[in-house]
Amino acid sequence: MTTPAHHEPPPVPFSFALGPDAVADRGGDDTAFAPTRPGPAARPALHYTLGDGTGSAARERLRQINDRSAAATGAG
């Protein structure tokens, strides 16, 4: 290796997306998380903006979305 050791913080998520099949499987209302809905109205996907990649609040928001998804599909 030619790079000296240095600290790198863990990556921070900045967005999260669900495809149309996952959206159809989970159903439910996501207005609390204000996703955008790209794709055709009959089979929309969901895209969530979590932050700009610098704040740790994005992890909490991602956890909340994941918990809500798991509850909606019965996977949690």
N, C-alpha and C. Protein backbone atom coordinates (compact mmCIF):
# COMPACT_ATOMS: atom_id res chain seq x y z
N MET A 1 0.84 -1.18 0.00
CA MET A 1 0.00 0.00 0.00
C MET A 1 0.88 1.25 0.00
N THR A 2 0.43 2.23 -0.72
CA THR A 2 1.20 3.46 -0.79
C THR A 2 0.52 4.62 -0.07
N THR A 3 -0.65 4.39 0.51
CA THR A 3 -1.35 5.43 1.24
C THR A 3 -1.17 5.20 2.73
N PRO A 4 -0.74 6.21 3.47
CA PRO A 4 -0.60 6.03 4.91
C PRO A 4 -1.96 5.81 5.57
N ALA A 5 -1.94 5.10 6.67
CA ALA A 5 -3.19 4.86 7.40
C ALA A 5 -3.80 6.17 7.86
N HIS A 6 -5.11 6.25 7.76
CA HIS A 6 -5.82 7.44 8.21
C HIS A 6 -7.26 7.05 8.54
N HIS A 7 -7.89 7.87 9.36
CA HIS A 7 -9.27 7.61 9.77
C HIS A 7 -10.23 8.03 8.67
N GLU A 8 -11.18 7.17 8.36
CA GLU A 8 -12.28 7.51 7.47
C GLU A 8 -13.57 7.17 8.19
N PRO A 9 -14.44 8.15 8.37
CA PRO A 9 -15.70 7.86 9.03
C PRO A 9 -16.57 6.94 8.17
N PRO A 10 -17.50 6.24 8.78
CA PRO A 10 -18.37 5.37 7.98
C PRO A 10 -19.19 6.21 7.00
N PRO A 11 -19.54 5.63 5.86
CA PRO A 11 -20.33 6.38 4.88
C PRO A 11 -21.71 6.73 5.43
N VAL A 12 -22.22 7.85 5.00
CA VAL A 12 -23.54 8.31 5.41
C VAL A 12 -24.47 8.20 4.21
N PRO A 13 -25.60 7.50 4.34
CA PRO A 13 -26.52 7.38 3.20
C PRO A 13 -27.14 8.73 2.86
N PHE A 14 -27.38 8.98 1.57
CA PHE A 14 -28.02 10.23 1.19
C PHE A 14 -29.32 10.02 0.43
N SER A 15 -29.59 8.79 0.00
CA SER A 15 -30.89 8.52 -0.61
C SER A 15 -31.17 7.02 -0.51
N PHE A 16 -32.44 6.70 -0.74
CA PHE A 16 -32.89 5.32 -0.67
C PHE A 16 -34.02 5.18 -1.68
N ALA A 17 -34.04 4.09 -2.43
CA ALA A 17 -35.08 3.90 -3.44
C ALA A 17 -35.67 2.50 -3.33
N LEU A 18 -36.96 2.41 -3.61
CA LEU A 18 -37.67 1.13 -3.70
C LEU A 18 -38.23 1.03 -5.11
N GLY A 19 -38.05 -0.11 -5.74
CA GLY A 19 -38.61 -0.33 -7.07
C GLY A 19 -40.09 -0.63 -7.01
N PRO A 20 -40.75 -0.69 -8.17
CA PRO A 20 -42.20 -0.88 -8.20
C PRO A 20 -42.67 -2.18 -7.56
N ASP A 21 -41.90 -3.26 -7.67
CA ASP A 21 -42.32 -4.51 -7.05
C ASP A 21 -42.33 -4.39 -5.53
N ALA A 22 -41.30 -3.78 -4.97
CA ALA A 22 -41.24 -3.59 -3.52
C ALA A 22 -42.35 -2.67 -3.04
N VAL A 23 -42.66 -1.64 -3.82
CA VAL A 23 -43.74 -0.73 -3.46
C VAL A 23 -45.07 -1.47 -3.45
N ALA A 24 -45.30 -2.30 -4.46
CA ALA A 24 -46.54 -3.07 -4.52
C ALA A 24 -46.64 -4.07 -3.37
N ASP A 25 -45.51 -4.69 -3.00
CA ASP A 25 -45.52 -5.67 -1.90
C ASP A 25 -45.85 -5.04 -0.56
N ARG A 26 -45.37 -3.84 -0.34
CA ARG A 26 -45.52 -3.25 0.98
C ARG A 26 -46.78 -2.44 1.14
N GLY A 27 -47.29 -1.85 0.06
CA GLY A 27 -48.50 -1.03 0.16
C GLY A 27 -48.32 0.06 1.20
N GLY A 28 -49.37 0.49 1.82
CA GLY A 28 -49.27 1.46 2.91
C GLY A 28 -49.08 2.89 2.44
N ASP A 29 -49.08 3.79 3.40
CA ASP A 29 -48.98 5.21 3.14
C ASP A 29 -47.63 5.71 3.64
N ASP A 30 -46.90 6.41 2.79
CA ASP A 30 -45.58 6.91 3.15
C ASP A 30 -45.52 8.43 3.18
N THR A 31 -46.64 9.08 3.32
CA THR A 31 -46.63 10.54 3.26
C THR A 31 -45.79 11.15 4.38
N ALA A 32 -45.61 10.45 5.48
CA ALA A 32 -44.80 10.99 6.58
C ALA A 32 -43.34 11.15 6.16
N PHE A 33 -42.90 10.39 5.17
CA PHE A 33 -41.50 10.45 4.75
C PHE A 33 -41.32 11.22 3.45
N ALA A 34 -42.39 11.66 2.83
CA ALA A 34 -42.39 12.50 1.63
C ALA A 34 -41.48 12.00 0.52
N PRO A 35 -41.68 10.77 0.05
CA PRO A 35 -40.86 10.30 -1.06
C PRO A 35 -41.34 10.91 -2.38
N THR A 36 -40.45 10.97 -3.35
CA THR A 36 -40.88 11.27 -4.71
C THR A 36 -41.29 9.96 -5.34
N ARG A 37 -42.12 10.02 -6.34
CA ARG A 37 -42.65 8.81 -6.96
C ARG A 37 -42.31 8.78 -8.45
N PRO A 38 -41.07 8.40 -8.79
CA PRO A 38 -40.72 8.31 -10.21
C PRO A 38 -41.39 7.10 -10.85
N GLY A 39 -41.58 7.17 -12.14
CA GLY A 39 -42.15 6.05 -12.87
C GLY A 39 -43.62 6.27 -13.16
N PRO A 40 -44.23 5.34 -13.86
CA PRO A 40 -45.64 5.47 -14.22
C PRO A 40 -46.53 5.38 -12.98
N ALA A 41 -47.64 6.08 -13.03
CA ALA A 41 -48.56 6.11 -11.89
C ALA A 41 -49.08 4.72 -11.52
N ALA A 42 -49.22 3.85 -12.51
CA ALA A 42 -49.73 2.51 -12.24
C ALA A 42 -48.72 1.65 -11.47
N ARG A 43 -47.42 1.91 -11.65
CA ARG A 43 -46.37 1.15 -10.96
C ARG A 43 -45.26 2.08 -10.52
N PRO A 44 -45.53 2.94 -9.55
CA PRO A 44 -44.50 3.90 -9.15
C PRO A 44 -43.40 3.24 -8.31
N ALA A 45 -42.25 3.84 -8.37
CA ALA A 45 -41.17 3.52 -7.44
C ALA A 45 -41.22 4.59 -6.36
N LEU A 46 -40.42 4.46 -5.33
CA LEU A 46 -40.32 5.50 -4.29
C LEU A 46 -38.86 5.88 -4.14
N HIS A 47 -38.61 7.17 -4.07
CA HIS A 47 -37.24 7.66 -3.85
C HIS A 47 -37.27 8.61 -2.66
N TYR A 48 -36.48 8.30 -1.66
CA TYR A 48 -36.40 9.10 -0.44
C TYR A 48 -35.08 9.85 -0.40
N THR A 49 -35.10 11.13 -0.18
CA THR A 49 -33.88 11.90 0.05
C THR A 49 -33.64 11.91 1.55
N LEU A 50 -32.49 11.39 1.96
CA LEU A 50 -32.19 11.26 3.39
C LEU A 50 -31.35 12.41 3.92
N GLY A 51 -30.61 13.06 3.07
CA GLY A 51 -29.73 14.14 3.49
C GLY A 51 -28.70 14.39 2.41
N ASP A 52 -27.65 15.11 2.77
CA ASP A 52 -26.62 15.45 1.80
C ASP A 52 -25.36 14.59 1.94
N GLY A 53 -25.41 13.56 2.75
CA GLY A 53 -24.27 12.66 2.91
C GLY A 53 -23.30 13.09 4.00
N THR A 54 -23.63 14.15 4.73
CA THR A 54 -22.72 14.62 5.77
C THR A 54 -23.30 14.50 7.18
N GLY A 55 -24.60 14.44 7.32
CA GLY A 55 -25.21 14.42 8.66
C GLY A 55 -25.61 13.03 9.10
N SER A 56 -25.47 12.77 10.38
CA SER A 56 -25.80 11.44 10.90
C SER A 56 -27.30 11.23 11.01
N ALA A 57 -28.12 12.26 10.87
CA ALA A 57 -29.57 12.11 10.93
C ALA A 57 -30.09 11.24 9.80
N ALA A 58 -29.33 11.14 8.71
CA ALA A 58 -29.74 10.31 7.58
C ALA A 58 -29.87 8.84 7.98
N ARG A 59 -28.98 8.37 8.85
CA ARG A 59 -29.06 6.96 9.30
C ARG A 59 -30.35 6.72 10.07
N GLU A 60 -30.74 7.65 10.91
CA GLU A 60 -31.98 7.51 11.68
C GLU A 60 -33.19 7.51 10.75
N ARG A 61 -33.18 8.39 9.78
CA ARG A 61 -34.29 8.44 8.82
C ARG A 61 -34.37 7.14 8.02
N LEU A 62 -33.22 6.61 7.60
CA LEU A 62 -33.19 5.34 6.89
C LEU A 62 -33.72 4.21 7.78
N ARG A 63 -33.34 4.21 9.05
CA ARG A 63 -33.84 3.20 9.98
C ARG A 63 -35.36 3.28 10.10
N GLN A 64 -35.90 4.50 10.20
CA GLN A 64 -37.35 4.67 10.31
C GLN A 64 -38.06 4.15 9.07
N ILE A 65 -37.52 4.47 7.90
CA ILE A 65 -38.12 3.98 6.65
C ILE A 65 -38.05 2.46 6.60
N ASN A 66 -36.91 1.89 6.98
CA ASN A 66 -36.76 0.44 6.98
C ASN A 66 -37.72 -0.22 7.96
N ASP A 67 -37.85 0.34 9.15
CA ASP A 67 -38.79 -0.21 10.13
C ASP A 67 -40.22 -0.17 9.61
N ARG A 68 -40.59 0.93 8.99
CA ARG A 68 -41.94 1.07 8.45
C ARG A 68 -42.17 0.07 7.31
N SER A 69 -41.15 -0.13 6.48
CA SER A 69 -41.26 -1.10 5.39
C SER A 69 -41.41 -2.51 5.93
N ALA A 70 -40.62 -2.84 6.95
CA ALA A 70 -40.68 -4.19 7.54
C ALA A 70 -42.05 -4.42 8.17
N ALA A 71 -42.59 -3.42 8.82
CA ALA A 71 -43.91 -3.56 9.45
C ALA A 71 -45.00 -3.74 8.39
N ALA A 72 -44.88 -3.01 7.29
CA ALA A 72 -45.89 -3.07 6.23
C ALA A 72 -45.89 -4.42 5.53
N THR A 73 -44.71 -5.07 5.44
CA THR A 73 -44.64 -6.36 4.75
C THR A 73 -44.70 -7.54 5.72
N GLY A 74 -44.70 -7.26 7.01
CA GLY A 74 -44.70 -8.33 7.99
C GLY A 74 -43.35 -8.98 8.18
N ALA A 75 -42.31 -8.34 7.65
CA ALA A 75 -40.96 -8.90 7.75
C ALA A 75 -40.27 -8.51 9.05
N GLY A 76 -40.86 -7.66 9.84
CA GLY A 76 -40.18 -7.19 11.04
C GLY A 76 -40.72 -7.85 12.22
